[in-house]
Amino acid sequence: MSYADQVYIETCKRILNEGVWDTDQAVRPKWEDGTPAHTVKLFGVVNRYDLQKEFPIMTLRRTYWKSAIGELLWIWQKKSNNVNDLNSHIWDSWADETGSIGKAYGFQLAKKSIYPEGEFDQVDRVLYQLKHDPASRRILTSMYDFEDLHEMHLYPCAYSMTFNVSGNRLNAILNQRSQDMLTANNWNVVQYAALVHMFAQVSGLEPGELVHVIADCHIYDRHVEMVRKMLELPPLDAPKFTVDPTVKDFYEFKPSSFKMEGYQYHPFEGTIPVAI
């Protein structure tokens, strides 16, 4: 069984059995027909993935991992906030007529600051610290800039990463303010597990543990029955994830640098309604 499936099943069961409904509150998200999109949720979920043992991709349904990594590269490598630089349409609903999603995600990572060693943006600062000061407890990024929130078309969901080197292993904590378990959970886990692999490889380290901290971990009302059906499926074995070992520069990674060998998954029946 894929460990990602095990974590997913346990988390969803907890939400369904112990979660709190927000049906007594006014909520921002709506369904396409204008109906409020309510959720059942847990607060403060923490999931851990040992990347030495297994790559955390689920098999209960397909995770479009190539598109997930493509979005990751759009944010962390291209540092773009324009959907015209992205080879998928997942951000189209949040883009304006120019393709911009406002001062969000890649825009924040591209901001530069002056340090004693020179000028860095957030990504390059992490890369510098991992190579020159791996014992530091200050290796982190944040996309949640209070000054710019009003100019973001969507506040960042996965908003900060904290990196920590223990021995020769690179560990990381992904902080997420909000998580839609059906449509986004494994998508984000796959992305940031891949990011740890990337940073580790170009820094001469081994990927260690990814800790995923979710403040509001929820299932939407119109997703509940879909999730229940998924939980009845038998999990399959995890595939083998590999990264092109010849890439030593973070900015040289391409979608073709990653492979997922033997990825099997259950087909998903029906169309997933999307809350916006």
C-alpha atoms as a PDB file:
ATOM      1  CA  MET A   1       0.000   0.000   0.000  1.00  0.00           C
ATOM      2  CA  SER A   2       1.182   3.505  -0.791  1.00  0.00           C
ATOM      3  CA  TYR A   3       1.949   5.330   2.459  1.00  0.00           C
ATOM      4  CA  ALA A   4       0.362   8.446   0.955  1.00  0.00           C
ATOM      5  CA  ASP A   5      -2.886   6.463   0.636  1.00  0.00           C
ATOM      6  CA  GLN A   6      -2.645   5.378   4.257  1.00  0.00           C
ATOM      7  CA  VAL A   7      -2.200   8.976   5.441  1.00  0.00           C
ATOM      8  CA  TYR A   8      -5.001  10.162   3.155  1.00  0.00           C
ATOM      9  CA  ILE A   9      -7.435   7.506   4.379  1.00  0.00           C
ATOM     10  CA  GLU A  10      -6.704   8.195   8.046  1.00  0.00           C
ATOM     11  CA  THR A  11      -7.027  11.964   7.590  1.00  0.00           C
ATOM     12  CA  CYS A  12     -10.299  11.757   5.651  1.00  0.00           C
ATOM     13  CA  LYS A  13     -11.812   9.324   8.169  1.00  0.00           C
ATOM     14  CA  ARG A  14     -10.926  11.703  10.978  1.00  0.00           C
ATOM     15  CA  ILE A  15     -12.526  14.609   9.144  1.00  0.00           C
ATOM     16  CA  LEU A  16     -15.710  12.653   8.417  1.00  0.00           C
ATOM     17  CA  ASN A  17     -15.968  11.156  11.925  1.00  0.00           C
ATOM     18  CA  GLU A  18     -14.669  13.981  14.097  1.00  0.00           C
ATOM     19  CA  GLY A  19     -14.899  17.092  11.937  1.00  0.00           C
ATOM     20  CA  VAL A  20     -16.913  20.250  12.486  1.00  0.00           C
ATOM     21  CA  TRP A  21     -19.327  21.562   9.845  1.00  0.00           C
ATOM     22  CA  ASP A  22     -19.349  25.287   8.978  1.00  0.00           C
ATOM     23  CA  THR A  23     -22.974  25.287   7.772  1.00  0.00           C
ATOM     24  CA  ASP A  24     -23.871  27.779  10.502  1.00  0.00           C
ATOM     25  CA  GLN A  25     -21.407  30.336   9.101  1.00  0.00           C
ATOM     26  CA  ALA A  26     -21.219  32.604   6.075  1.00  0.00           C
ATOM     27  CA  VAL A  27     -18.472  31.244   3.800  1.00  0.00           C
ATOM     28  CA  ARG A  28     -16.628  32.854   0.886  1.00  0.00           C
ATOM     29  CA  PRO A  29     -16.445  29.922  -1.594  1.00  0.00           C
ATOM     30  CA  LYS A  30     -19.449  29.196  -3.802  1.00  0.00           C
ATOM     31  CA  TRP A  31     -20.441  26.499  -6.268  1.00  0.00           C
ATOM     32  CA  GLU A  32     -21.061  27.386  -9.893  1.00  0.00           C
ATOM     33  CA  ASP A  33     -24.804  27.646  -9.204  1.00  0.00           C
ATOM     34  CA  GLY A  34     -24.155  30.280  -6.525  1.00  0.00           C
ATOM     35  CA  THR A  35     -24.801  27.972  -3.568  1.00  0.00           C
ATOM     36  CA  PRO A  36     -22.425  28.451  -0.620  1.00  0.00           C
ATOM     37  CA  ALA A  37     -19.738  25.751  -0.582  1.00  0.00           C
ATOM     38  CA  HIS A  38     -19.680  24.508   2.991  1.00  0.00           C
ATOM     39  CA  THR A  39     -17.147  22.112   4.496  1.00  0.00           C
ATOM     40  CA  VAL A  40     -16.571  19.634   7.285  1.00  0.00           C
ATOM     41  CA  LYS A  41     -13.136  20.266   8.740  1.00  0.00           C
ATOM     42  CA  LEU A  42     -10.399  19.516  11.240  1.00  0.00           C
ATOM     43  CA  PHE A  43      -8.036  22.126  12.644  1.00  0.00           C
ATOM     44  CA  GLY A  44      -4.291  21.613  12.857  1.00  0.00           C
ATOM     45  CA  VAL A  45      -3.599  18.407  10.924  1.00  0.00           C
ATOM     46  CA  VAL A  46       0.050  17.314  10.776  1.00  0.00           C
ATOM     47  CA  ASN A  47       1.171  14.590   8.342  1.00  0.00           C
ATOM     48  CA  ARG A  48       4.722  13.308   7.942  1.00  0.00           C
ATOM     49  CA  TYR A  49       6.346  11.658   4.915  1.00  0.00           C
ATOM     50  CA  ASP A  50       9.777  10.010   4.955  1.00  0.00           C
ATOM     51  CA  LEU A  51      11.071  10.620   1.435  1.00  0.00           C
ATOM     52  CA  GLN A  52      13.847   8.060   1.922  1.00  0.00           C
ATOM     53  CA  LYS A  53      11.259   5.295   2.142  1.00  0.00           C
ATOM     54  CA  GLU A  54       8.742   6.229  -0.527  1.00  0.00           C
ATOM     55  CA  PHE A  55       7.565   9.035  -2.755  1.00  0.00           C
ATOM     56  CA  PRO A  56       4.175  10.179  -1.383  1.00  0.00           C
ATOM     57  CA  ILE A  57       1.813   9.877  -4.324  1.00  0.00           C
ATOM     58  CA  MET A  58      -1.621   8.365  -3.780  1.00  0.00           C
ATOM     59  CA  THR A  59      -3.178   5.544  -5.816  1.00  0.00           C
ATOM     60  CA  LEU A  60      -6.827   5.814  -4.703  1.00  0.00           C
ATOM     61  CA  ARG A  61      -7.186   8.219  -7.602  1.00  0.00           C
ATOM     62  CA  ARG A  62      -4.794   9.649 -10.139  1.00  0.00           C
ATOM     63  CA  THR A  63      -2.614  12.574  -9.171  1.00  0.00           C
ATOM     64  CA  TYR A  64      -1.552  14.414 -12.316  1.00  0.00           C
ATOM     65  CA  TRP A  65       1.983  14.665 -11.057  1.00  0.00           C
ATOM     66  CA  LYS A  66       3.479  16.133 -14.241  1.00  0.00           C
ATOM     67  CA  SER A  67       1.062  19.081 -14.074  1.00  0.00           C
ATOM     68  CA  ALA A  68       1.699  19.406 -10.334  1.00  0.00           C
ATOM     69  CA  ILE A  69       5.455  19.634 -10.850  1.00  0.00           C
ATOM     70  CA  GLY A  70       4.858  21.983 -13.783  1.00  0.00           C
ATOM     71  CA  GLU A  71       3.007  24.360 -11.467  1.00  0.00           C
ATOM     72  CA  LEU A  72       5.774  24.023  -8.880  1.00  0.00           C
ATOM     73  CA  LEU A  73       8.397  25.019 -11.447  1.00  0.00           C
ATOM     74  CA  TRP A  74       6.190  27.937 -12.530  1.00  0.00           C
ATOM     75  CA  ILE A  75       6.166  29.257  -8.959  1.00  0.00           C
ATOM     76  CA  TRP A  76       9.608  28.324  -7.623  1.00  0.00           C
ATOM     77  CA  GLN A  77      11.797  28.325 -10.718  1.00  0.00           C
ATOM     78  CA  LYS A  78      10.173  30.794 -13.105  1.00  0.00           C
ATOM     79  CA  LYS A  79       8.865  32.794 -10.104  1.00  0.00           C
ATOM     80  CA  SER A  80       5.959  33.798 -12.285  1.00  0.00           C
ATOM     81  CA  ASN A  81       2.506  35.059 -11.371  1.00  0.00           C
ATOM     82  CA  ASN A  82       1.224  34.989 -14.958  1.00  0.00           C
ATOM     83  CA  VAL A  83      -0.719  32.008 -16.314  1.00  0.00           C
ATOM     84  CA  ASN A  84       0.736  32.590 -19.774  1.00  0.00           C
ATOM     85  CA  ASP A  85       3.956  31.079 -18.372  1.00  0.00           C
ATOM     86  CA  LEU A  86       2.127  27.970 -17.114  1.00  0.00           C
ATOM     87  CA  ASN A  87       1.435  24.919 -19.273  1.00  0.00           C
ATOM     88  CA  SER A  88      -1.945  24.168 -17.687  1.00  0.00           C
ATOM     89  CA  HIS A  89      -5.203  25.976 -16.993  1.00  0.00           C
ATOM     90  CA  ILE A  90      -5.570  25.422 -13.252  1.00  0.00           C
ATOM     91  CA  TRP A  91      -5.106  29.131 -12.480  1.00  0.00           C
ATOM     92  CA  ASP A  92      -7.267  30.554 -15.275  1.00  0.00           C
ATOM     93  CA  SER A  93     -10.194  31.307 -12.943  1.00  0.00           C
ATOM     94  CA  TRP A  94      -7.974  33.586 -10.860  1.00  0.00           C
ATOM     95  CA  ALA A  95      -6.218  35.417 -13.696  1.00  0.00           C
ATOM     96  CA  ASP A  96      -7.096  38.857 -15.054  1.00  0.00           C
ATOM     97  CA  GLU A  97      -7.181  39.861 -18.723  1.00  0.00           C
ATOM     98  CA  THR A  98      -3.359  40.001 -18.822  1.00  0.00           C
ATOM     99  CA  GLY A  99      -2.974  36.548 -17.276  1.00  0.00           C
ATOM    100  CA  SER A 100      -1.759  37.889 -13.920  1.00  0.00           C
ATOM    101  CA  ILE A 101      -2.908  36.429 -10.579  1.00  0.00           C
ATOM    102  CA  GLY A 102      -1.706  39.545  -8.786  1.00  0.00           C
ATOM    103  CA  LYS A 103       1.163  39.801  -6.330  1.00  0.00           C
ATOM    104  CA  ALA A 104       0.900  36.136  -5.375  1.00  0.00           C
ATOM    105  CA  TYR A 105       3.059  33.013  -5.297  1.00  0.00           C
ATOM    106  CA  GLY A 106       5.961  33.451  -7.748  1.00  0.00           C
ATOM    107  CA  PHE A 107       5.838  37.226  -7.360  1.00  0.00           C
ATOM    108  CA  GLN A 108       6.598  36.849  -3.650  1.00  0.00           C
ATOM    109  CA  LEU A 109       9.457  34.390  -4.143  1.00  0.00           C
ATOM    110  CA  ALA A 110      11.065  36.758  -6.651  1.00  0.00           C
ATOM    111  CA  LYS A 111      11.227  39.661  -4.177  1.00  0.00           C
ATOM    112  CA  LYS A 112      14.836  40.538  -3.354  1.00  0.00           C
ATOM    113  CA  SER A 113      16.473  41.656  -0.123  1.00  0.00           C
ATOM    114  CA  ILE A 114      19.982  42.720   0.844  1.00  0.00           C
ATOM    115  CA  TYR A 115      22.031  40.395   3.065  1.00  0.00           C
ATOM    116  CA  PRO A 116      25.666  40.639   4.231  1.00  0.00           C
ATOM    117  CA  GLU A 117      26.568  38.228   1.421  1.00  0.00           C
ATOM    118  CA  GLY A 118      24.704  40.192  -1.243  1.00  0.00           C
ATOM    119  CA  GLU A 119      21.255  40.524  -2.809  1.00  0.00           C
ATOM    120  CA  PHE A 120      19.008  37.444  -2.996  1.00  0.00           C
ATOM    121  CA  ASP A 121      15.413  36.582  -3.725  1.00  0.00           C
ATOM    122  CA  GLN A 122      13.773  33.989  -1.459  1.00  0.00           C
ATOM    123  CA  VAL A 123      14.641  30.945  -3.575  1.00  0.00           C
ATOM    124  CA  ASP A 124      18.245  31.923  -4.164  1.00  0.00           C
ATOM    125  CA  ARG A 125      18.665  32.689  -0.472  1.00  0.00           C
ATOM    126  CA  VAL A 126      17.590  29.135   0.404  1.00  0.00           C
ATOM    127  CA  LEU A 127      19.994  27.704  -2.162  1.00  0.00           C
ATOM    128  CA  TYR A 128      22.851  29.835  -0.791  1.00  0.00           C
ATOM    129  CA  GLN A 129      22.172  28.871   2.824  1.00  0.00           C
ATOM    130  CA  LEU A 130      21.896  25.156   2.068  1.00  0.00           C
ATOM    131  CA  LYS A 131      25.356  25.235   0.495  1.00  0.00           C
ATOM    132  CA  HIS A 132      27.131  27.730   2.746  1.00  0.00           C
ATOM    133  CA  ASP A 133      25.299  27.613   6.094  1.00  0.00           C
ATOM    134  CA  PRO A 134      23.375  24.311   6.351  1.00  0.00           C
ATOM    135  CA  ALA A 135      23.363  24.441  10.166  1.00  0.00           C
ATOM    136  CA  SER A 136      21.225  27.585  10.052  1.00  0.00           C
ATOM    137  CA  ARG A 137      17.774  27.473  11.623  1.00  0.00           C
ATOM    138  CA  ARG A 138      16.695  30.420   9.486  1.00  0.00           C
ATOM    139  CA  ILE A 139      16.273  28.722   6.107  1.00  0.00           C
ATOM    140  CA  LEU A 140      12.705  29.477   5.155  1.00  0.00           C
ATOM    141  CA  THR A 141      10.423  31.152   2.647  1.00  0.00           C
ATOM    142  CA  SER A 142       7.058  32.870   3.013  1.00  0.00           C
ATOM    143  CA  MET A 143       4.548  33.980   0.383  1.00  0.00           C
ATOM    144  CA  TYR A 144       2.101  35.499   2.871  1.00  0.00           C
ATOM    145  CA  ASP A 145       3.076  39.162   2.720  1.00  0.00           C
ATOM    146  CA  PHE A 146       0.517  41.273   4.578  1.00  0.00           C
ATOM    147  CA  GLU A 147       1.309  44.390   2.534  1.00  0.00           C
ATOM    148  CA  ASP A 148       0.450  42.646  -0.740  1.00  0.00           C
ATOM    149  CA  LEU A 149      -2.559  40.539   0.227  1.00  0.00           C
ATOM    150  CA  HIS A 150      -5.041  43.046  -1.156  1.00  0.00           C
ATOM    151  CA  GLU A 151      -3.325  42.752  -4.551  1.00  0.00           C
ATOM    152  CA  MET A 152      -3.443  38.941  -4.673  1.00  0.00           C
ATOM    153  CA  HIS A 153      -6.307  37.364  -6.590  1.00  0.00           C
ATOM    154  CA  LEU A 154      -6.113  34.434  -4.169  1.00  0.00           C
ATOM    155  CA  TYR A 155      -4.304  34.390  -0.843  1.00  0.00           C
ATOM    156  CA  PRO A 156      -1.582  31.704  -0.853  1.00  0.00           C
ATOM    157  CA  CYS A 157      -2.819  28.349   0.475  1.00  0.00           C
ATOM    158  CA  ALA A 158       0.574  26.625   0.750  1.00  0.00           C
ATOM    159  CA  TYR A 159       2.392  29.698   2.002  1.00  0.00           C
ATOM    160  CA  SER A 160       5.667  28.809   3.701  1.00  0.00           C
ATOM    161  CA  MET A 161       8.495  26.290   3.692  1.00  0.00           C
ATOM    162  CA  THR A 162      11.013  25.810   6.487  1.00  0.00           C
ATOM    163  CA  PHE A 163      14.131  23.811   5.625  1.00  0.00           C
ATOM    164  CA  ASN A 164      16.352  22.028   8.123  1.00  0.00           C
ATOM    165  CA  VAL A 165      19.493  20.003   7.506  1.00  0.00           C
ATOM    166  CA  SER A 166      20.043  17.071   9.879  1.00  0.00           C
ATOM    167  CA  GLY A 167      23.217  15.170   9.117  1.00  0.00           C
ATOM    168  CA  ASN A 168      23.174  14.819   5.334  1.00  0.00           C
ATOM    169  CA  ARG A 169      19.392  14.924   5.044  1.00  0.00           C
ATOM    170  CA  LEU A 170      17.256  17.856   4.015  1.00  0.00           C
ATOM    171  CA  ASN A 171      13.978  18.024   5.921  1.00  0.00           C
ATOM    172  CA  ALA A 172      11.192  20.527   5.361  1.00  0.00           C
ATOM    173  CA  ILE A 173       7.934  21.754   6.860  1.00  0.00           C
ATOM    174  CA  LEU A 174       5.192  22.875   4.490  1.00  0.00           C
ATOM    175  CA  ASN A 175       2.695  25.224   6.147  1.00  0.00           C
ATOM    176  CA  GLN A 176      -0.733  25.453   4.568  1.00  0.00           C
ATOM    177  CA  ARG A 177      -3.575  27.681   5.765  1.00  0.00           C
ATOM    178  CA  SER A 178      -6.293  25.745   3.909  1.00  0.00           C
ATOM    179  CA  GLN A 179      -6.516  22.326   2.230  1.00  0.00           C
ATOM    180  CA  ASP A 180      -9.252  20.849   0.037  1.00  0.00           C
ATOM    181  CA  MET A 181      -8.705  17.134   0.645  1.00  0.00           C
ATOM    182  CA  LEU A 182     -10.301  15.833  -2.543  1.00  0.00           C
ATOM    183  CA  THR A 183      -8.824  18.121  -5.184  1.00  0.00           C
ATOM    184  CA  ALA A 184      -5.624  19.516  -3.689  1.00  0.00           C
ATOM    185  CA  ASN A 185      -4.138  17.449  -0.876  1.00  0.00           C
ATOM    186  CA  ASN A 186      -1.940  14.989  -2.741  1.00  0.00           C
ATOM    187  CA  TRP A 187      -1.263  17.548  -5.474  1.00  0.00           C
ATOM    188  CA  ASN A 188       0.494  19.743  -2.897  1.00  0.00           C
ATOM    189  CA  VAL A 189       2.231  16.824  -1.177  1.00  0.00           C
ATOM    190  CA  VAL A 190       3.656  15.640  -4.512  1.00  0.00           C
ATOM    191  CA  GLN A 191       4.810  19.158  -5.386  1.00  0.00           C
ATOM    192  CA  TYR A 192       6.670  19.851  -2.189  1.00  0.00           C
ATOM    193  CA  ALA A 193       8.111  16.350  -1.918  1.00  0.00           C
ATOM    194  CA  ALA A 194       9.562  16.962  -5.387  1.00  0.00           C
ATOM    195  CA  LEU A 195      10.860  20.358  -4.244  1.00  0.00           C
ATOM    196  CA  VAL A 196      12.716  18.750  -1.326  1.00  0.00           C
ATOM    197  CA  HIS A 197      14.271  16.270  -3.777  1.00  0.00           C
ATOM    198  CA  MET A 198      15.334  19.148  -6.022  1.00  0.00           C
ATOM    199  CA  PHE A 199      16.873  21.312  -3.309  1.00  0.00           C
ATOM    200  CA  ALA A 200      18.604  18.297  -1.772  1.00  0.00           C
ATOM    201  CA  GLN A 201      20.141  17.172  -5.056  1.00  0.00           C
ATOM    202  CA  VAL A 202      21.609  20.542  -6.009  1.00  0.00           C
ATOM    203  CA  SER A 203      22.924  21.042  -2.453  1.00  0.00           C
ATOM    204  CA  GLY A 204      24.713  17.699  -2.146  1.00  0.00           C
ATOM    205  CA  LEU A 205      22.178  16.391   0.375  1.00  0.00           C
ATOM    206  CA  GLU A 206      19.713  13.517   0.591  1.00  0.00           C
ATOM    207  CA  PRO A 207      15.958  14.121   0.782  1.00  0.00           C
ATOM    208  CA  GLY A 208      14.704  13.527   4.308  1.00  0.00           C
ATOM    209  CA  GLU A 209      11.285  14.151   5.814  1.00  0.00           C
ATOM    210  CA  LEU A 210       8.451  16.361   4.584  1.00  0.00           C
ATOM    211  CA  VAL A 211       6.125  17.519   7.351  1.00  0.00           C
ATOM    212  CA  HIS A 212       2.806  18.898   6.118  1.00  0.00           C
ATOM    213  CA  VAL A 213       1.014  21.213   8.551  1.00  0.00           C
ATOM    214  CA  ILE A 214      -2.557  22.104   7.586  1.00  0.00           C
ATOM    215  CA  ALA A 215      -4.493  24.699   9.572  1.00  0.00           C
ATOM    216  CA  ASP A 216      -7.968  24.151   8.055  1.00  0.00           C
ATOM    217  CA  CYS A 217      -8.151  20.634   6.605  1.00  0.00           C
ATOM    218  CA  HIS A 218     -11.550  20.108   5.000  1.00  0.00           C
ATOM    219  CA  ILE A 219     -13.861  18.206   2.675  1.00  0.00           C
ATOM    220  CA  TYR A 220     -16.503  20.178   0.771  1.00  0.00           C
ATOM    221  CA  ASP A 221     -20.135  19.181   1.201  1.00  0.00           C
ATOM    222  CA  ARG A 222     -20.519  18.120  -2.452  1.00  0.00           C
ATOM    223  CA  HIS A 223     -17.330  16.041  -2.229  1.00  0.00           C
ATOM    224  CA  VAL A 224     -18.260  13.945   0.805  1.00  0.00           C
ATOM    225  CA  GLU A 225     -19.831  11.013  -1.045  1.00  0.00           C
ATOM    226  CA  MET A 226     -16.994  10.979  -3.598  1.00  0.00           C
ATOM    227  CA  VAL A 227     -14.473  10.750  -0.780  1.00  0.00           C
ATOM    228  CA  ARG A 228     -16.434   7.988   0.946  1.00  0.00           C
ATOM    229  CA  LYS A 229     -16.352   5.904  -2.242  1.00  0.00           C
ATOM    230  CA  MET A 230     -12.610   6.466  -2.625  1.00  0.00           C
ATOM    231  CA  LEU A 231     -11.989   5.243   0.909  1.00  0.00           C
ATOM    232  CA  GLU A 232     -13.542   1.897  -0.015  1.00  0.00           C
ATOM    233  CA  LEU A 233     -10.913   1.226  -2.698  1.00  0.00           C
ATOM    234  CA  PRO A 234      -7.883  -1.006  -2.032  1.00  0.00           C
ATOM    235  CA  PRO A 235      -4.676   1.067  -2.085  1.00  0.00           C
ATOM    236  CA  LEU A 236      -2.004   0.029  -4.581  1.00  0.00           C
ATOM    237  CA  ASP A 237       1.775   0.011  -4.255  1.00  0.00           C
ATOM    238  CA  ALA A 238       3.668   3.262  -4.569  1.00  0.00           C
ATOM    239  CA  PRO A 239       5.636   3.864  -7.787  1.00  0.00           C
ATOM    240  CA  LYS A 240       9.345   4.620  -8.017  1.00  0.00           C
ATOM    241  CA  PHE A 241      10.156   8.329  -8.303  1.00  0.00           C
ATOM    242  CA  THR A 242      13.460   9.382  -9.823  1.00  0.00           C
ATOM    243  CA  VAL A 243      15.145  12.684 -10.602  1.00  0.00           C
ATOM    244  CA  ASP A 244      17.743  13.126 -13.332  1.00  0.00           C
ATOM    245  CA  PRO A 245      20.987  12.910 -11.300  1.00  0.00           C
ATOM    246  CA  THR A 246      22.935  15.007 -13.806  1.00  0.00           C
ATOM    247  CA  VAL A 247      21.037  18.188 -12.863  1.00  0.00           C
ATOM    248  CA  LYS A 248      23.143  20.167 -10.386  1.00  0.00           C
ATOM    249  CA  ASP A 249      21.623  23.621 -10.926  1.00  0.00           C
ATOM    250  CA  PHE A 250      18.125  24.270  -9.559  1.00  0.00           C
ATOM    251  CA  TYR A 251      17.253  26.355 -12.618  1.00  0.00           C
ATOM    252  CA  GLU A 252      18.117  23.511 -14.976  1.00  0.00           C
ATOM    253  CA  PHE A 253      15.302  21.218 -13.838  1.00  0.00           C
ATOM    254  CA  LYS A 254      12.653  20.584 -16.493  1.00  0.00           C
ATOM    255  CA  PRO A 255       9.419  18.567 -16.405  1.00  0.00           C
ATOM    256  CA  SER A 256      11.339  15.826 -18.232  1.00  0.00           C
ATOM    257  CA  SER A 257      13.842  15.652 -15.319  1.00  0.00           C
ATOM    258  CA  PHE A 258      11.347  13.593 -13.295  1.00  0.00           C
ATOM    259  CA  LYS A 259      10.064  10.055 -13.772  1.00  0.00           C
ATOM    260  CA  MET A 260       7.389   8.009 -12.005  1.00  0.00           C
ATOM    261  CA  GLU A 261       7.920   4.335 -12.815  1.00  0.00           C
ATOM    262  CA  GLY A 262       5.083   1.859 -12.317  1.00  0.00           C
ATOM    263  CA  TYR A 263       2.449   4.374 -11.268  1.00  0.00           C
ATOM    264  CA  GLN A 264      -0.891   2.576 -10.940  1.00  0.00           C
ATOM    265  CA  TYR A 265      -4.078   4.212  -9.731  1.00  0.00           C
ATOM    266  CA  HIS A 266      -7.814   3.677  -9.564  1.00  0.00           C
ATOM    267  CA  PRO A 267      -9.966   5.466 -12.155  1.00  0.00           C
ATOM    268  CA  PHE A 268     -12.108   8.251 -10.740  1.00  0.00           C
ATOM    269  CA  GLU A 269     -15.793   8.195 -11.619  1.00  0.00           C
ATOM    270  CA  GLY A 270     -17.763  11.364 -12.151  1.00  0.00           C
ATOM    271  CA  THR A 271     -16.953  15.045 -12.431  1.00  0.00           C
ATOM    272  CA  ILE A 272     -15.642  16.881  -9.385  1.00  0.00           C
ATOM    273  CA  PRO A 273     -17.537  20.118  -8.694  1.00  0.00           C
ATOM    274  CA  VAL A 274     -15.168  23.013  -8.067  1.00  0.00           C
ATOM    275  CA  ALA A 275     -15.755  25.659  -5.409  1.00  0.00           C
ATOM    276  CA  ILE A 276     -14.500  29.162  -6.216  1.00  0.00           C
END
